[in-house]
Amino acid sequence: MGVVDTGQEALGARTLALAPWQERKVLRYVEEHLGQPIKTPELASLVGLSVSQFSRRFRGSFGLPPRAYMIRTRLDRAKAMMRQSRASLCEIALDSGFCDQAHMSRLFHAFVGETPRRWRRDNRLAI
């Protein structure tokens, strides 16, 4: 007896991600507001989903929960700023959406494996 493919697997996988318009809207909002606190409920309401639906679909689209994605995105912005500017780490932390330099440093060390100061020294572009 063979297994009948009803197409439910493909349908299920498709519904676990945000729609393309929702992805674009969320990414645009995140980019425009990265220097400010961004809460999952505000992102969910932006695309008309409950927090649990949004979180599940967000992870399906981006491979990370919303909070981890925000941290990664803020760290990426901080890295770019450290590479390209002479701004202090405190200024970079605030411009990247962290509460303060200590908050950025803790998360930077946890995710990147070294301190922002050491990373900056080893990765700075000649400016």
N, C-alpha and C. Protein backbone atom coordinates (compact mmCIF):
# COMPACT_ATOMS: atom_id res chain seq x y z
N MET A 1 0.85 -1.17 0.00
CA MET A 1 0.00 0.00 0.00
C MET A 1 0.90 1.24 0.00
N GLY A 2 0.73 2.14 -0.95
CA GLY A 2 1.57 3.32 -1.08
C GLY A 2 1.03 4.48 -0.25
N VAL A 3 1.89 5.42 -0.01
CA VAL A 3 1.51 6.62 0.75
C VAL A 3 0.95 7.64 -0.24
N VAL A 4 -0.20 8.16 0.09
CA VAL A 4 -0.84 9.16 -0.76
C VAL A 4 -0.38 10.55 -0.33
N ASP A 5 0.12 11.32 -1.28
CA ASP A 5 0.55 12.69 -0.99
C ASP A 5 -0.65 13.61 -1.20
N THR A 6 -1.15 14.16 -0.10
CA THR A 6 -2.31 15.03 -0.18
C THR A 6 -1.93 16.50 -0.36
N GLY A 7 -0.62 16.77 -0.34
CA GLY A 7 -0.18 18.15 -0.47
C GLY A 7 -0.21 18.90 0.85
N GLN A 8 -0.61 18.25 1.94
CA GLN A 8 -0.70 18.91 3.23
C GLN A 8 0.67 19.32 3.78
N GLU A 9 1.72 18.52 3.49
CA GLU A 9 3.05 18.90 3.97
C GLU A 9 3.47 20.22 3.36
N ALA A 10 3.31 20.35 2.06
CA ALA A 10 3.69 21.59 1.39
C ALA A 10 2.85 22.74 1.90
N LEU A 11 1.55 22.51 2.09
CA LEU A 11 0.67 23.54 2.59
C LEU A 11 1.07 23.95 4.01
N GLY A 12 1.36 22.96 4.85
CA GLY A 12 1.77 23.24 6.23
C GLY A 12 3.04 24.04 6.28
N ALA A 13 4.02 23.68 5.46
CA ALA A 13 5.29 24.40 5.43
C ALA A 13 5.08 25.84 4.96
N ARG A 14 4.20 26.02 4.01
CA ARG A 14 3.95 27.35 3.48
C ARG A 14 3.29 28.25 4.53
N THR A 15 2.40 27.70 5.35
CA THR A 15 1.70 28.52 6.32
C THR A 15 2.56 28.83 7.55
N LEU A 16 3.72 28.21 7.67
CA LEU A 16 4.58 28.49 8.82
C LEU A 16 5.47 29.70 8.59
N ALA A 17 5.36 30.35 7.47
CA ALA A 17 6.16 31.53 7.18
C ALA A 17 5.25 32.73 6.97
N LEU A 18 5.82 33.90 7.12
CA LEU A 18 5.08 35.12 6.80
C LEU A 18 4.89 35.22 5.30
N ALA A 19 3.84 35.87 4.88
CA ALA A 19 3.63 36.15 3.46
C ALA A 19 4.72 37.15 3.03
N PRO A 20 5.08 37.14 1.75
CA PRO A 20 6.12 38.07 1.28
C PRO A 20 5.85 39.53 1.65
N TRP A 21 4.60 39.98 1.55
CA TRP A 21 4.31 41.37 1.90
C TRP A 21 4.52 41.62 3.39
N GLN A 22 4.22 40.59 4.22
CA GLN A 22 4.42 40.72 5.66
C GLN A 22 5.92 40.80 5.98
N GLU A 23 6.71 39.96 5.31
CA GLU A 23 8.17 40.00 5.51
C GLU A 23 8.71 41.39 5.18
N ARG A 24 8.32 41.91 4.02
CA ARG A 24 8.80 43.24 3.60
C ARG A 24 8.41 44.31 4.60
N LYS A 25 7.16 44.26 5.05
CA LYS A 25 6.66 45.28 5.99
C LYS A 25 7.42 45.22 7.31
N VAL A 26 7.63 44.01 7.82
CA VAL A 26 8.34 43.84 9.08
C VAL A 26 9.80 44.29 8.94
N LEU A 27 10.47 43.87 7.88
CA LEU A 27 11.88 44.24 7.68
C LEU A 27 12.03 45.75 7.54
N ARG A 28 11.14 46.38 6.81
CA ARG A 28 11.19 47.84 6.65
C ARG A 28 11.01 48.53 8.00
N TYR A 29 10.05 48.06 8.78
CA TYR A 29 9.79 48.64 10.10
C TYR A 29 11.00 48.47 11.01
N VAL A 30 11.57 47.27 11.02
CA VAL A 30 12.74 47.01 11.86
C VAL A 30 13.90 47.93 11.46
N GLU A 31 14.15 48.05 10.17
CA GLU A 31 15.24 48.90 9.70
C GLU A 31 15.02 50.36 10.11
N GLU A 32 13.80 50.84 10.01
CA GLU A 32 13.49 52.23 10.33
C GLU A 32 13.50 52.51 11.84
N HIS A 33 13.27 51.49 12.66
CA HIS A 33 13.13 51.69 14.10
C HIS A 33 14.18 50.94 14.92
N LEU A 34 15.25 50.50 14.31
CA LEU A 34 16.23 49.66 15.00
C LEU A 34 16.85 50.37 16.20
N GLY A 35 16.99 51.67 16.15
CA GLY A 35 17.58 52.41 17.26
C GLY A 35 16.64 52.60 18.44
N GLN A 36 15.43 52.06 18.35
CA GLN A 36 14.43 52.19 19.40
C GLN A 36 14.02 50.79 19.87
N PRO A 37 13.41 50.70 21.04
CA PRO A 37 12.89 49.39 21.47
C PRO A 37 11.81 48.91 20.49
N ILE A 38 11.89 47.65 20.09
CA ILE A 38 10.89 47.05 19.21
C ILE A 38 10.37 45.80 19.91
N LYS A 39 9.09 45.77 20.15
CA LYS A 39 8.46 44.64 20.84
C LYS A 39 7.75 43.73 19.84
N THR A 40 7.74 42.45 20.13
CA THR A 40 7.08 41.48 19.26
C THR A 40 5.60 41.82 19.05
N PRO A 41 4.84 42.22 20.09
CA PRO A 41 3.43 42.55 19.86
C PRO A 41 3.23 43.67 18.83
N GLU A 42 4.11 44.65 18.79
CA GLU A 42 3.92 45.72 17.80
C GLU A 42 4.20 45.21 16.39
N LEU A 43 5.16 44.29 16.23
CA LEU A 43 5.41 43.70 14.92
C LEU A 43 4.23 42.83 14.49
N ALA A 44 3.69 42.08 15.43
CA ALA A 44 2.55 41.21 15.13
C ALA A 44 1.34 42.03 14.68
N SER A 45 1.08 43.12 15.38
CA SER A 45 -0.08 43.94 15.00
C SER A 45 0.15 44.63 13.66
N LEU A 46 1.39 44.91 13.35
CA LEU A 46 1.74 45.54 12.07
C LEU A 46 1.26 44.70 10.89
N VAL A 47 1.28 43.37 11.03
CA VAL A 47 0.89 42.48 9.93
C VAL A 47 -0.39 41.71 10.24
N GLY A 48 -1.10 42.11 11.30
CA GLY A 48 -2.41 41.55 11.59
C GLY A 48 -2.43 40.13 12.09
N LEU A 49 -1.43 39.77 12.90
CA LEU A 49 -1.37 38.41 13.46
C LEU A 49 -1.31 38.48 14.98
N SER A 50 -1.71 37.40 15.63
CA SER A 50 -1.51 37.32 17.08
C SER A 50 -0.02 37.15 17.33
N VAL A 51 0.40 37.39 18.55
CA VAL A 51 1.82 37.29 18.89
C VAL A 51 2.33 35.86 18.64
N SER A 52 1.55 34.87 19.02
CA SER A 52 2.01 33.48 18.83
C SER A 52 2.07 33.11 17.35
N GLN A 53 1.07 33.49 16.57
CA GLN A 53 1.11 33.23 15.13
C GLN A 53 2.30 33.94 14.50
N PHE A 54 2.48 35.21 14.86
CA PHE A 54 3.56 35.99 14.29
C PHE A 54 4.92 35.36 14.62
N SER A 55 5.12 35.00 15.88
CA SER A 55 6.40 34.43 16.30
C SER A 55 6.71 33.14 15.53
N ARG A 56 5.72 32.30 15.38
CA ARG A 56 5.89 31.03 14.66
C ARG A 56 6.22 31.29 13.18
N ARG A 57 5.49 32.19 12.57
CA ARG A 57 5.71 32.48 11.15
C ARG A 57 7.00 33.26 10.92
N PHE A 58 7.33 34.14 11.85
CA PHE A 58 8.58 34.88 11.74
C PHE A 58 9.76 33.92 11.73
N ARG A 59 9.72 32.98 12.64
CA ARG A 59 10.80 31.98 12.71
C ARG A 59 10.85 31.15 11.43
N GLY A 60 9.70 30.85 10.86
CA GLY A 60 9.65 30.13 9.60
C GLY A 60 10.26 30.92 8.45
N SER A 61 10.09 32.23 8.49
CA SER A 61 10.63 33.08 7.43
C SER A 61 12.12 33.39 7.60
N PHE A 62 12.55 33.64 8.84
CA PHE A 62 13.90 34.14 9.07
C PHE A 62 14.81 33.19 9.83
N GLY A 63 14.27 32.07 10.29
CA GLY A 63 15.10 31.07 10.95
C GLY A 63 15.46 31.38 12.39
N LEU A 64 14.96 32.46 12.91
CA LEU A 64 15.22 32.87 14.30
C LEU A 64 13.95 33.42 14.91
N PRO A 65 13.81 33.32 16.23
CA PRO A 65 12.69 34.01 16.88
C PRO A 65 12.89 35.53 16.75
N PRO A 66 11.82 36.31 16.86
CA PRO A 66 11.95 37.76 16.68
C PRO A 66 13.02 38.41 17.56
N ARG A 67 13.09 38.04 18.83
CA ARG A 67 14.06 38.67 19.74
C ARG A 67 15.49 38.38 19.29
N ALA A 68 15.79 37.14 18.94
CA ALA A 68 17.14 36.79 18.49
C ALA A 68 17.47 37.50 17.18
N TYR A 69 16.48 37.65 16.31
CA TYR A 69 16.69 38.36 15.05
C TYR A 69 17.04 39.83 15.33
N MET A 70 16.33 40.45 16.27
CA MET A 70 16.61 41.85 16.62
C MET A 70 18.02 41.99 17.16
N ILE A 71 18.42 41.08 18.04
CA ILE A 71 19.77 41.14 18.60
C ILE A 71 20.80 41.00 17.48
N ARG A 72 20.61 40.02 16.62
CA ARG A 72 21.56 39.82 15.52
C ARG A 72 21.63 41.05 14.61
N THR A 73 20.47 41.62 14.30
CA THR A 73 20.43 42.79 13.43
C THR A 73 21.11 43.99 14.10
N ARG A 74 20.87 44.17 15.38
CA ARG A 74 21.53 45.27 16.11
C ARG A 74 23.03 45.06 16.18
N LEU A 75 23.45 43.82 16.40
CA LEU A 75 24.89 43.53 16.43
C LEU A 75 25.52 43.76 15.06
N ASP A 76 24.81 43.40 14.00
CA ASP A 76 25.33 43.65 12.65
C ASP A 76 25.50 45.15 12.40
N ARG A 77 24.52 45.94 12.85
CA ARG A 77 24.63 47.40 12.70
C ARG A 77 25.81 47.93 13.51
N ALA A 78 25.95 47.44 14.74
CA ALA A 78 27.06 47.88 15.59
C ALA A 78 28.40 47.52 14.95
N LYS A 79 28.50 46.32 14.39
CA LYS A 79 29.75 45.92 13.71
C LYS A 79 30.06 46.85 12.55
N ALA A 80 29.06 47.16 11.75
CA ALA A 80 29.27 48.06 10.60
C ALA A 80 29.74 49.43 11.09
N MET A 81 29.13 49.92 12.15
CA MET A 81 29.53 51.22 12.68
C MET A 81 30.93 51.18 13.27
N MET A 82 31.27 50.10 13.96
CA MET A 82 32.62 49.98 14.53
C MET A 82 33.67 49.91 13.43
N ARG A 83 33.32 49.26 12.34
CA ARG A 83 34.24 49.11 11.22
C ARG A 83 34.47 50.43 10.50
N GLN A 84 33.43 51.25 10.40
CA GLN A 84 33.46 52.40 9.50
C GLN A 84 33.53 53.77 10.17
N SER A 85 33.45 53.83 11.50
CA SER A 85 33.45 55.14 12.13
C SER A 85 34.38 55.16 13.34
N ARG A 86 34.61 56.35 13.82
CA ARG A 86 35.41 56.54 15.03
C ARG A 86 34.52 56.81 16.24
N ALA A 87 33.23 56.60 16.10
CA ALA A 87 32.29 56.85 17.20
C ALA A 87 32.65 55.97 18.39
N SER A 88 32.35 56.46 19.57
CA SER A 88 32.62 55.68 20.78
C SER A 88 31.70 54.46 20.83
N LEU A 89 32.11 53.47 21.58
CA LEU A 89 31.28 52.27 21.73
C LEU A 89 29.94 52.61 22.38
N CYS A 90 29.94 53.58 23.26
CA CYS A 90 28.69 54.01 23.89
C CYS A 90 27.73 54.58 22.84
N GLU A 91 28.23 55.45 21.97
CA GLU A 91 27.40 56.01 20.90
C GLU A 91 26.89 54.92 19.97
N ILE A 92 27.76 54.00 19.62
CA ILE A 92 27.39 52.90 18.73
C ILE A 92 26.31 52.04 19.36
N ALA A 93 26.46 51.76 20.64
CA ALA A 93 25.46 50.94 21.35
C ALA A 93 24.09 51.61 21.29
N LEU A 94 24.04 52.89 21.59
CA LEU A 94 22.76 53.60 21.59
C LEU A 94 22.18 53.72 20.19
N ASP A 95 23.02 54.01 19.20
CA ASP A 95 22.55 54.12 17.81
C ASP A 95 22.08 52.78 17.25
N SER A 96 22.57 51.70 17.82
CA SER A 96 22.18 50.36 17.35
C SER A 96 20.96 49.82 18.07
N GLY A 97 20.47 50.56 19.07
CA GLY A 97 19.25 50.15 19.75
C GLY A 97 19.45 49.42 21.06
N PHE A 98 20.68 49.40 21.56
CA PHE A 98 20.93 48.78 22.86
C PHE A 98 20.69 49.81 23.96
N CYS A 99 20.39 49.34 25.17
CA CYS A 99 20.11 50.24 26.29
C CYS A 99 21.34 51.08 26.64
N ASP A 100 22.50 50.44 26.62
CA ASP A 100 23.75 51.12 26.94
C ASP A 100 24.91 50.26 26.45
N GLN A 101 26.13 50.74 26.67
CA GLN A 101 27.31 50.03 26.19
C GLN A 101 27.46 48.66 26.87
N ALA A 102 27.15 48.58 28.14
CA ALA A 102 27.28 47.31 28.86
C ALA A 102 26.34 46.25 28.27
N HIS A 103 25.13 46.66 27.95
CA HIS A 103 24.16 45.74 27.34
C HIS A 103 24.69 45.22 26.01
N MET A 104 25.19 46.13 25.16
CA MET A 104 25.75 45.71 23.89
C MET A 104 26.95 44.79 24.11
N SER A 105 27.81 45.14 25.04
CA SER A 105 29.01 44.34 25.28
C SER A 105 28.68 42.92 25.73
N ARG A 106 27.70 42.79 26.62
CA ARG A 106 27.29 41.44 27.09
C ARG A 106 26.78 40.60 25.93
N LEU A 107 25.89 41.16 25.13
CA LEU A 107 25.32 40.42 24.01
C LEU A 107 26.37 40.17 22.92
N PHE A 108 27.22 41.15 22.68
CA PHE A 108 28.27 41.01 21.68
C PHE A 108 29.17 39.84 22.05
N HIS A 109 29.60 39.80 23.31
CA HIS A 109 30.48 38.72 23.75
C HIS A 109 29.77 37.37 23.68
N ALA A 110 28.50 37.34 24.04
CA ALA A 110 27.74 36.08 24.01
C ALA A 110 27.54 35.57 22.59
N PHE A 111 27.26 36.46 21.64
CA PHE A 111 26.97 36.04 20.27
C PHE A 111 28.21 35.96 19.38
N VAL A 112 29.16 36.85 19.59
CA VAL A 112 30.33 36.92 18.71
C VAL A 112 31.53 36.19 19.30
N GLY A 113 31.60 36.14 20.63
CA GLY A 113 32.68 35.41 21.27
C GLY A 113 33.88 36.25 21.67
N GLU A 114 33.79 37.56 21.48
CA GLU A 114 34.85 38.46 21.94
C GLU A 114 34.24 39.81 22.27
N THR A 115 35.02 40.66 22.91
CA THR A 115 34.50 41.96 23.30
C THR A 115 34.41 42.88 22.09
N PRO A 116 33.54 43.87 22.15
CA PRO A 116 33.45 44.82 21.03
C PRO A 116 34.78 45.54 20.77
N ARG A 117 35.48 45.89 21.83
CA ARG A 117 36.76 46.60 21.67
C ARG A 117 37.77 45.75 20.90
N ARG A 118 37.90 44.50 21.29
CA ARG A 118 38.84 43.61 20.60
C ARG A 118 38.39 43.38 19.15
N TRP A 119 37.09 43.13 18.95
CA TRP A 119 36.58 42.90 17.60
C TRP A 119 36.84 44.12 16.73
N ARG A 120 36.59 45.31 17.29
CA ARG A 120 36.80 46.54 16.53
C ARG A 120 38.26 46.70 16.14
N ARG A 121 39.16 46.44 17.07
CA ARG A 121 40.60 46.56 16.79
C ARG A 121 41.01 45.63 15.65
N ASP A 122 40.47 44.42 15.65
CA ASP A 122 40.86 43.42 14.65
C ASP A 122 40.13 43.57 13.31
N ASN A 123 39.04 44.32 13.27
CA ASN A 123 38.21 44.40 12.06
C ASN A 123 38.00 45.81 11.52
N ARG A 124 38.67 46.77 12.06
CA ARG A 124 38.45 48.17 11.65
C ARG A 124 39.02 48.44 10.26
N LEU A 125 38.24 49.14 9.46
CA LEU A 125 38.72 49.58 8.15
C LEU A 125 39.58 50.82 8.33
N ALA A 126 40.51 51.02 7.44
CA ALA A 126 41.35 52.22 7.51
C ALA A 126 40.48 53.43 7.15
N ILE A 127 40.28 54.33 8.13
CA ILE A 127 39.48 55.53 7.88
C ILE A 127 40.27 56.77 8.25
